[in-house]
Amino acid sequence: MEKGNTNFIAGYGKIFTPKDEKQLAKGIGLIIMLFGFESIIFSMLSLFFEGLSFYYGLLIALNFFAIFGLMIKDQVQGKS
């Protein structure tokens, strides 16, 4: 086998740099706290109702989309 140079740039480029880090951290923290509250509510409801796993999974996906939405909002608005 022939040895050669390979460009390995993992970790060198920044994919996401927040513009308003404090506001983004507040938003993501709020979503994480709401996710914890949703988890508590769904665990209690699952004792009484069957088939809630689909709706719980849907809420998980919505939480991820909300976090990505906050990241996009941060990049579009930036620091006011």
PDB file of N, CA and C in Angstrom:
ATOM      1  N   MET A   1       0.831  -1.179   0.000  1.00  0.00           N
ATOM      2  CA  MET A   1       0.000   0.000   0.000  1.00  0.00           C
ATOM      3  C   MET A   1       0.877   1.244   0.000  1.00  0.00           C
ATOM      4  N   GLU A   2       0.380   2.198  -0.677  1.00  0.00           N
ATOM      5  CA  GLU A   2       1.090   3.455  -0.780  1.00  0.00           C
ATOM      6  C   GLU A   2       0.663   4.394   0.344  1.00  0.00           C
ATOM      7  N   LYS A   3       1.622   5.004   1.005  1.00  0.00           N
ATOM      8  CA  LYS A   3       1.305   5.951   2.061  1.00  0.00           C
ATOM      9  C   LYS A   3       1.238   7.348   1.476  1.00  0.00           C
ATOM     10  N   GLY A   4       0.268   8.116   1.990  1.00  0.00           N
ATOM     11  CA  GLY A   4       0.114   9.481   1.511  1.00  0.00           C
ATOM     12  C   GLY A   4      -0.510  10.353   2.580  1.00  0.00           C
ATOM     13  N   ASN A   5      -0.640  11.606   2.267  1.00  0.00           N
ATOM     14  CA  ASN A   5      -1.255  12.538   3.206  1.00  0.00           C
ATOM     15  C   ASN A   5      -2.766  12.520   3.041  1.00  0.00           C
ATOM     16  N   THR A   6      -3.430  12.537   4.157  1.00  0.00           N
ATOM     17  CA  THR A   6      -4.883  12.593   4.154  1.00  0.00           C
ATOM     18  C   THR A   6      -5.315  13.807   4.954  1.00  0.00           C
ATOM     19  N   ASN A   7      -6.190  14.591   4.367  1.00  0.00           N
ATOM     20  CA  ASN A   7      -6.718  15.747   5.088  1.00  0.00           C
ATOM     21  C   ASN A   7      -7.771  15.281   6.078  1.00  0.00           C
ATOM     22  N   PHE A   8      -7.509  15.552   7.322  1.00  0.00           N
ATOM     23  CA  PHE A   8      -8.446  15.187   8.377  1.00  0.00           C
ATOM     24  C   PHE A   8      -8.781  16.462   9.123  1.00  0.00           C
ATOM     25  N   ILE A   9      -9.978  16.994   8.841  1.00  0.00           N
ATOM     26  CA  ILE A   9     -10.309  18.306   9.381  1.00  0.00           C
ATOM     27  C   ILE A   9     -11.352  18.247  10.487  1.00  0.00           C
ATOM     28  N   ALA A  10     -11.622  17.068  11.020  1.00  0.00           N
ATOM     29  CA  ALA A  10     -12.628  16.956  12.075  1.00  0.00           C
ATOM     30  C   ALA A  10     -12.183  17.760  13.282  1.00  0.00           C
ATOM     31  N   GLY A  11     -13.022  18.653  13.717  1.00  0.00           N
ATOM     32  CA  GLY A  11     -12.715  19.468  14.872  1.00  0.00           C
ATOM     33  C   GLY A  11     -12.051  20.789  14.543  1.00  0.00           C
ATOM     34  N   TYR A  12     -11.618  20.982  13.319  1.00  0.00           N
ATOM     35  CA  TYR A  12     -10.952  22.225  12.962  1.00  0.00           C
ATOM     36  C   TYR A  12     -11.958  23.313  12.588  1.00  0.00           C
ATOM     37  N   GLY A  13     -13.002  22.944  11.851  1.00  0.00           N
ATOM     38  CA  GLY A  13     -13.978  23.932  11.430  1.00  0.00           C
ATOM     39  C   GLY A  13     -15.100  24.057  12.436  1.00  0.00           C
ATOM     40  N   LYS A  14     -15.558  25.277  12.622  1.00  0.00           N
ATOM     41  CA  LYS A  14     -16.681  25.487  13.528  1.00  0.00           C
ATOM     42  C   LYS A  14     -17.968  25.398  12.722  1.00  0.00           C
ATOM     43  N   ILE A  15     -18.861  24.542  13.173  1.00  0.00           N
ATOM     44  CA  ILE A  15     -20.131  24.373  12.475  1.00  0.00           C
ATOM     45  C   ILE A  15     -21.133  25.407  12.952  1.00  0.00           C
ATOM     46  N   PHE A  16     -21.164  25.644  14.250  1.00  0.00           N
ATOM     47  CA  PHE A  16     -22.158  26.556  14.817  1.00  0.00           C
ATOM     48  C   PHE A  16     -21.497  27.438  15.860  1.00  0.00           C
ATOM     49  N   THR A  17     -21.597  28.731  15.666  1.00  0.00           N
ATOM     50  CA  THR A  17     -21.111  29.692  16.636  1.00  0.00           C
ATOM     51  C   THR A  17     -22.272  30.586  17.027  1.00  0.00           C
ATOM     52  N   PRO A  18     -22.721  30.508  18.281  1.00  0.00           N
ATOM     53  CA  PRO A  18     -23.870  31.327  18.672  1.00  0.00           C
ATOM     54  C   PRO A  18     -23.536  32.810  18.652  1.00  0.00           C
ATOM     55  N   LYS A  19     -24.503  33.613  18.212  1.00  0.00           N
ATOM     56  CA  LYS A  19     -24.319  35.060  18.188  1.00  0.00           C
ATOM     57  C   LYS A  19     -24.758  35.690  19.501  1.00  0.00           C
ATOM     58  N   ASP A  20     -25.842  35.193  20.089  1.00  0.00           N
ATOM     59  CA  ASP A  20     -26.310  35.673  21.387  1.00  0.00           C
ATOM     60  C   ASP A  20     -26.395  34.461  22.313  1.00  0.00           C
ATOM     61  N   GLU A  21     -25.246  34.118  22.879  1.00  0.00           N
ATOM     62  CA  GLU A  21     -25.114  32.867  23.626  1.00  0.00           C
ATOM     63  C   GLU A  21     -25.999  32.838  24.871  1.00  0.00           C
ATOM     64  N   LYS A  22     -26.129  33.971  25.544  1.00  0.00           N
ATOM     65  CA  LYS A  22     -26.918  34.011  26.775  1.00  0.00           C
ATOM     66  C   LYS A  22     -28.390  33.728  26.495  1.00  0.00           C
ATOM     67  N   GLN A  23     -28.946  34.364  25.482  1.00  0.00           N
ATOM     68  CA  GLN A  23     -30.350  34.154  25.134  1.00  0.00           C
ATOM     69  C   GLN A  23     -30.589  32.727  24.633  1.00  0.00           C
ATOM     70  N   LEU A  24     -29.652  32.203  23.856  1.00  0.00           N
ATOM     71  CA  LEU A  24     -29.769  30.835  23.356  1.00  0.00           C
ATOM     72  C   LEU A  24     -29.723  29.836  24.502  1.00  0.00           C
ATOM     73  N   ALA A  25     -28.846  30.069  25.480  1.00  0.00           N
ATOM     74  CA  ALA A  25     -28.754  29.169  26.631  1.00  0.00           C
ATOM     75  C   ALA A  25     -30.046  29.200  27.452  1.00  0.00           C
ATOM     76  N   LYS A  26     -30.648  30.373  27.594  1.00  0.00           N
ATOM     77  CA  LYS A  26     -31.917  30.466  28.319  1.00  0.00           C
ATOM     78  C   LYS A  26     -33.009  29.678  27.605  1.00  0.00           C
ATOM     79  N   GLY A  27     -33.078  29.818  26.285  1.00  0.00           N
ATOM     80  CA  GLY A  27     -34.098  29.113  25.516  1.00  0.00           C
ATOM     81  C   GLY A  27     -33.932  27.608  25.563  1.00  0.00           C
ATOM     82  N   ILE A  28     -32.700  27.147  25.390  1.00  0.00           N
ATOM     83  CA  ILE A  28     -32.440  25.709  25.419  1.00  0.00           C
ATOM     84  C   ILE A  28     -32.673  25.160  26.819  1.00  0.00           C
ATOM     85  N   GLY A  29     -32.301  25.915  27.847  1.00  0.00           N
ATOM     86  CA  GLY A  29     -32.564  25.490  29.219  1.00  0.00           C
ATOM     87  C   GLY A  29     -34.051  25.351  29.498  1.00  0.00           C
ATOM     88  N   LEU A  30     -34.835  26.283  28.977  1.00  0.00           N
ATOM     89  CA  LEU A  30     -36.281  26.215  29.152  1.00  0.00           C
ATOM     90  C   LEU A  30     -36.859  24.980  28.466  1.00  0.00           C
ATOM     91  N   ILE A  31     -36.388  24.683  27.271  1.00  0.00           N
ATOM     92  CA  ILE A  31     -36.876  23.505  26.550  1.00  0.00           C
ATOM     93  C   ILE A  31     -36.491  22.225  27.290  1.00  0.00           C
ATOM     94  N   ILE A  32     -35.298  22.184  27.852  1.00  0.00           N
ATOM     95  CA  ILE A  32     -34.876  20.998  28.601  1.00  0.00           C
ATOM     96  C   ILE A  32     -35.720  20.827  29.859  1.00  0.00           C
ATOM     97  N   MET A  33     -36.019  21.943  30.547  1.00  0.00           N
ATOM     98  CA  MET A  33     -36.878  21.846  31.732  1.00  0.00           C
ATOM     99  C   MET A  33     -38.287  21.392  31.357  1.00  0.00           C
ATOM    100  N   LEU A  34     -38.811  21.903  30.244  1.00  0.00           N
ATOM    101  CA  LEU A  34     -40.130  21.472  29.792  1.00  0.00           C
ATOM    102  C   LEU A  34     -40.127  19.992  29.418  1.00  0.00           C
ATOM    103  N   PHE A  35     -39.026  19.528  28.824  1.00  0.00           N
ATOM    104  CA  PHE A  35     -38.920  18.116  28.485  1.00  0.00           C
ATOM    105  C   PHE A  35     -38.951  17.253  29.745  1.00  0.00           C
ATOM    106  N   GLY A  36     -38.289  17.695  30.804  1.00  0.00           N
ATOM    107  CA  GLY A  36     -38.337  16.963  32.065  1.00  0.00           C
ATOM    108  C   GLY A  36     -39.747  16.926  32.636  1.00  0.00           C
ATOM    109  N   PHE A  37     -40.444  18.046  32.559  1.00  0.00           N
ATOM    110  CA  PHE A  37     -41.822  18.106  33.031  1.00  0.00           C
ATOM    111  C   PHE A  37     -42.719  17.188  32.203  1.00  0.00           C
ATOM    112  N   GLU A  38     -42.535  17.203  30.869  1.00  0.00           N
ATOM    113  CA  GLU A  38     -43.299  16.314  29.989  1.00  0.00           C
ATOM    114  C   GLU A  38     -43.030  14.855  30.329  1.00  0.00           C
ATOM    115  N   SER A  39     -41.782  14.534  30.633  1.00  0.00           N
ATOM    116  CA  SER A  39     -41.430  13.151  30.970  1.00  0.00           C
ATOM    117  C   SER A  39     -42.132  12.705  32.241  1.00  0.00           C
ATOM    118  N   ILE A  40     -42.185  13.596  33.233  1.00  0.00           N
ATOM    119  CA  ILE A  40     -42.871  13.258  34.483  1.00  0.00           C
ATOM    120  C   ILE A  40     -44.361  13.043  34.236  1.00  0.00           C
ATOM    121  N   ILE A  41     -44.961  13.942  33.465  1.00  0.00           N
ATOM    122  CA  ILE A  41     -46.395  13.837  33.175  1.00  0.00           C
ATOM    123  C   ILE A  41     -46.686  12.545  32.405  1.00  0.00           C
ATOM    124  N   PHE A  42     -45.882  12.245  31.372  1.00  0.00           N
ATOM    125  CA  PHE A  42     -46.134  11.044  30.574  1.00  0.00           C
ATOM    126  C   PHE A  42     -45.891   9.774  31.365  1.00  0.00           C
ATOM    127  N   SER A  43     -44.938   9.784  32.285  1.00  0.00           N
ATOM    128  CA  SER A  43     -44.726   8.574  33.084  1.00  0.00           C
ATOM    129  C   SER A  43     -45.914   8.324  34.015  1.00  0.00           C
ATOM    130  N   MET A  44     -46.519   9.399  34.533  1.00  0.00           N
ATOM    131  CA  MET A  44     -47.711   9.224  35.373  1.00  0.00           C
ATOM    132  C   MET A  44     -48.923   8.812  34.537  1.00  0.00           C
ATOM    133  N   LEU A  45     -49.072   9.402  33.364  1.00  0.00           N
ATOM    134  CA  LEU A  45     -50.211   9.060  32.511  1.00  0.00           C
ATOM    135  C   LEU A  45     -50.122   7.642  31.967  1.00  0.00           C
ATOM    136  N   SER A  46     -48.897   7.160  31.780  1.00  0.00           N
ATOM    137  CA  SER A  46     -48.743   5.810  31.231  1.00  0.00           C
ATOM    138  C   SER A  46     -49.225   4.737  32.208  1.00  0.00           C
ATOM    139  N   LEU A  47     -49.352   5.097  33.481  1.00  0.00           N
ATOM    140  CA  LEU A  47     -49.900   4.144  34.446  1.00  0.00           C
ATOM    141  C   LEU A  47     -51.388   3.903  34.215  1.00  0.00           C
ATOM    142  N   PHE A  48     -52.071   4.889  33.662  1.00  0.00           N
ATOM    143  CA  PHE A  48     -53.519   4.807  33.475  1.00  0.00           C
ATOM    144  C   PHE A  48     -53.938   4.548  32.030  1.00  0.00           C
ATOM    145  N   PHE A  49     -53.109   4.966  31.071  1.00  0.00           N
ATOM    146  CA  PHE A  49     -53.462   4.836  29.652  1.00  0.00           C
ATOM    147  C   PHE A  49     -52.399   4.035  28.923  1.00  0.00           C
ATOM    148  N   GLU A  50     -52.839   3.274  27.933  1.00  0.00           N
ATOM    149  CA  GLU A  50     -51.909   2.498  27.094  1.00  0.00           C
ATOM    150  C   GLU A  50     -51.682   3.244  25.780  1.00  0.00           C
ATOM    151  N   GLY A  51     -50.566   2.995  25.148  1.00  0.00           N
ATOM    152  CA  GLY A  51     -50.304   3.523  23.814  1.00  0.00           C
ATOM    153  C   GLY A  51     -49.889   4.984  23.772  1.00  0.00           C
ATOM    154  N   LEU A  52     -49.298   5.480  24.826  1.00  0.00           N
ATOM    155  CA  LEU A  52     -48.848   6.863  24.834  1.00  0.00           C
ATOM    156  C   LEU A  52     -47.432   7.033  24.294  1.00  0.00           C
ATOM    157  N   SER A  53     -46.780   5.936  23.981  1.00  0.00           N
ATOM    158  CA  SER A  53     -45.386   6.015  23.550  1.00  0.00           C
ATOM    159  C   SER A  53     -45.241   6.783  22.240  1.00  0.00           C
ATOM    160  N   PHE A  54     -46.207   6.664  21.333  1.00  0.00           N
ATOM    161  CA  PHE A  54     -46.145   7.413  20.072  1.00  0.00           C
ATOM    162  C   PHE A  54     -46.167   8.910  20.345  1.00  0.00           C
ATOM    163  N   TYR A  55     -47.046   9.337  21.238  1.00  0.00           N
ATOM    164  CA  TYR A  55     -47.171  10.768  21.541  1.00  0.00           C
ATOM    165  C   TYR A  55     -45.950  11.289  22.298  1.00  0.00           C
ATOM    166  N   TYR A  56     -45.384  10.452  23.134  1.00  0.00           N
ATOM    167  CA  TYR A  56     -44.156  10.827  23.836  1.00  0.00           C
ATOM    168  C   TYR A  56     -43.015  10.989  22.830  1.00  0.00           C
ATOM    169  N   GLY A  57     -42.908  10.066  21.907  1.00  0.00           N
ATOM    170  CA  GLY A  57     -41.897  10.176  20.846  1.00  0.00           C
ATOM    171  C   GLY A  57     -42.106  11.411  20.001  1.00  0.00           C
ATOM    172  N   LEU A  58     -43.360  11.741  19.737  1.00  0.00           N
ATOM    173  CA  LEU A  58     -43.668  12.956  18.977  1.00  0.00           C
ATOM    174  C   LEU A  58     -43.226  14.201  19.740  1.00  0.00           C
ATOM    175  N   LEU A  59     -43.447  14.218  21.044  1.00  0.00           N
ATOM    176  CA  LEU A  59     -42.991  15.357  21.846  1.00  0.00           C
ATOM    177  C   LEU A  59     -41.471  15.461  21.877  1.00  0.00           C
ATOM    178  N   ILE A  60     -40.792  14.328  21.906  1.00  0.00           N
ATOM    179  CA  ILE A  60     -39.325  14.349  21.859  1.00  0.00           C
ATOM    180  C   ILE A  60     -38.858  14.984  20.552  1.00  0.00           C
ATOM    181  N   ALA A  61     -39.468  14.574  19.441  1.00  0.00           N
ATOM    182  CA  ALA A  61     -39.102  15.151  18.146  1.00  0.00           C
ATOM    183  C   ALA A  61     -39.396  16.645  18.113  1.00  0.00           C
ATOM    184  N   LEU A  62     -40.528  17.058  18.668  1.00  0.00           N
ATOM    185  CA  LEU A  62     -40.860  18.482  18.697  1.00  0.00           C
ATOM    186  C   LEU A  62     -39.875  19.277  19.546  1.00  0.00           C
ATOM    187  N   ASN A  63     -39.392  18.676  20.629  1.00  0.00           N
ATOM    188  CA  ASN A  63     -38.382  19.354  21.451  1.00  0.00           C
ATOM    189  C   ASN A  63     -37.081  19.542  20.676  1.00  0.00           C
ATOM    190  N   PHE A  64     -36.675  18.519  19.927  1.00  0.00           N
ATOM    191  CA  PHE A  64     -35.467  18.666  19.099  1.00  0.00           C
ATOM    192  C   PHE A  64     -35.656  19.753  18.051  1.00  0.00           C
ATOM    193  N   PHE A  65     -36.817  19.770  17.397  1.00  0.00           N
ATOM    194  CA  PHE A  65     -37.067  20.800  16.396  1.00  0.00           C
ATOM    195  C   PHE A  65     -37.114  22.190  17.020  1.00  0.00           C
ATOM    196  N   ALA A  66     -37.607  22.281  18.248  1.00  0.00           N
ATOM    197  CA  ALA A  66     -37.637  23.573  18.937  1.00  0.00           C
ATOM    198  C   ALA A  66     -36.215  24.061  19.221  1.00  0.00           C
ATOM    199  N   ILE A  67     -35.336  23.145  19.617  1.00  0.00           N
ATOM    200  CA  ILE A  67     -33.939  23.533  19.868  1.00  0.00           C
ATOM    201  C   ILE A  67     -33.275  23.964  18.570  1.00  0.00           C
ATOM    202  N   PHE A  68     -33.506  23.220  17.488  1.00  0.00           N
ATOM    203  CA  PHE A  68     -32.935  23.621  16.202  1.00  0.00           C
ATOM    204  C   PHE A  68     -33.526  24.947  15.734  1.00  0.00           C
ATOM    205  N   GLY A  69     -34.804  25.175  16.024  1.00  0.00           N
ATOM    206  CA  GLY A  69     -35.430  26.451  15.686  1.00  0.00           C
ATOM    207  C   GLY A  69     -34.793  27.601  16.442  1.00  0.00           C
ATOM    208  N   LEU A  70     -34.468  27.382  17.712  1.00  0.00           N
ATOM    209  CA  LEU A  70     -33.779  28.422  18.477  1.00  0.00           C
ATOM    210  C   LEU A  70     -32.393  28.706  17.909  1.00  0.00           C
ATOM    211  N   MET A  71     -31.718  27.650  17.467  1.00  0.00           N
ATOM    212  CA  MET A  71     -30.396  27.842  16.875  1.00  0.00           C
ATOM    213  C   MET A  71     -30.490  28.625  15.569  1.00  0.00           C
ATOM    214  N   ILE A  72     -31.494  28.327  14.773  1.00  0.00           N
ATOM    215  CA  ILE A  72     -31.679  29.060  13.513  1.00  0.00           C
ATOM    216  C   ILE A  72     -32.053  30.510  13.804  1.00  0.00           C
ATOM    217  N   LYS A  73     -32.934  30.711  14.780  1.00  0.00           N
ATOM    218  CA  LYS A  73     -33.337  32.068  15.161  1.00  0.00           C
ATOM    219  C   LYS A  73     -32.130  32.871  15.622  1.00  0.00           C
ATOM    220  N   ASP A  74     -31.232  32.228  16.371  1.00  0.00           N
ATOM    221  CA  ASP A  74     -30.033  32.898  16.836  1.00  0.00           C
ATOM    222  C   ASP A  74     -29.157  33.338  15.666  1.00  0.00           C
ATOM    223  N   GLN A  75     -29.053  32.492  14.671  1.00  0.00           N
ATOM    224  CA  GLN A  75     -28.199  32.845  13.536  1.00  0.00           C
ATOM    225  C   GLN A  75     -28.813  33.931  12.666  1.00  0.00           C
ATOM    226  N   VAL A  76     -30.144  33.932  12.562  1.00  0.00           N
ATOM    227  CA  VAL A  76     -30.821  34.924  11.718  1.00  0.00           C
ATOM    228  C   VAL A  76     -30.870  36.276  12.406  1.00  0.00           C
ATOM    229  N   GLN A  77     -31.262  36.296  13.685  1.00  0.00           N
ATOM    230  CA  GLN A  77     -31.409  37.561  14.405  1.00  0.00           C
ATOM    231  C   GLN A  77     -30.063  38.103  14.865  1.00  0.00           C
ATOM    232  N   GLY A  78     -29.285  37.288  15.492  1.00  0.00           N
ATOM    233  CA  GLY A  78     -28.021  37.746  16.032  1.00  0.00           C
ATOM    234  C   GLY A  78     -28.236  38.632  17.233  1.00  0.00           C
ATOM    235  N   LYS A  79     -27.229  39.374  17.574  1.00  0.00           N
ATOM    236  CA  LYS A  79     -27.287  40.249  18.741  1.00  0.00           C
ATOM    237  C   LYS A  79     -27.988  41.542  18.371  1.00  0.00           C
ATOM    238  N   SER A  80     -28.981  41.899  19.185  1.00  0.00           N
ATOM    239  CA  SER A  80     -29.756  43.117  18.896  1.00  0.00           C
ATOM    240  C   SER A  80     -29.074  44.342  19.461  1.00  0.00           C
TER     241      SER A  80
END
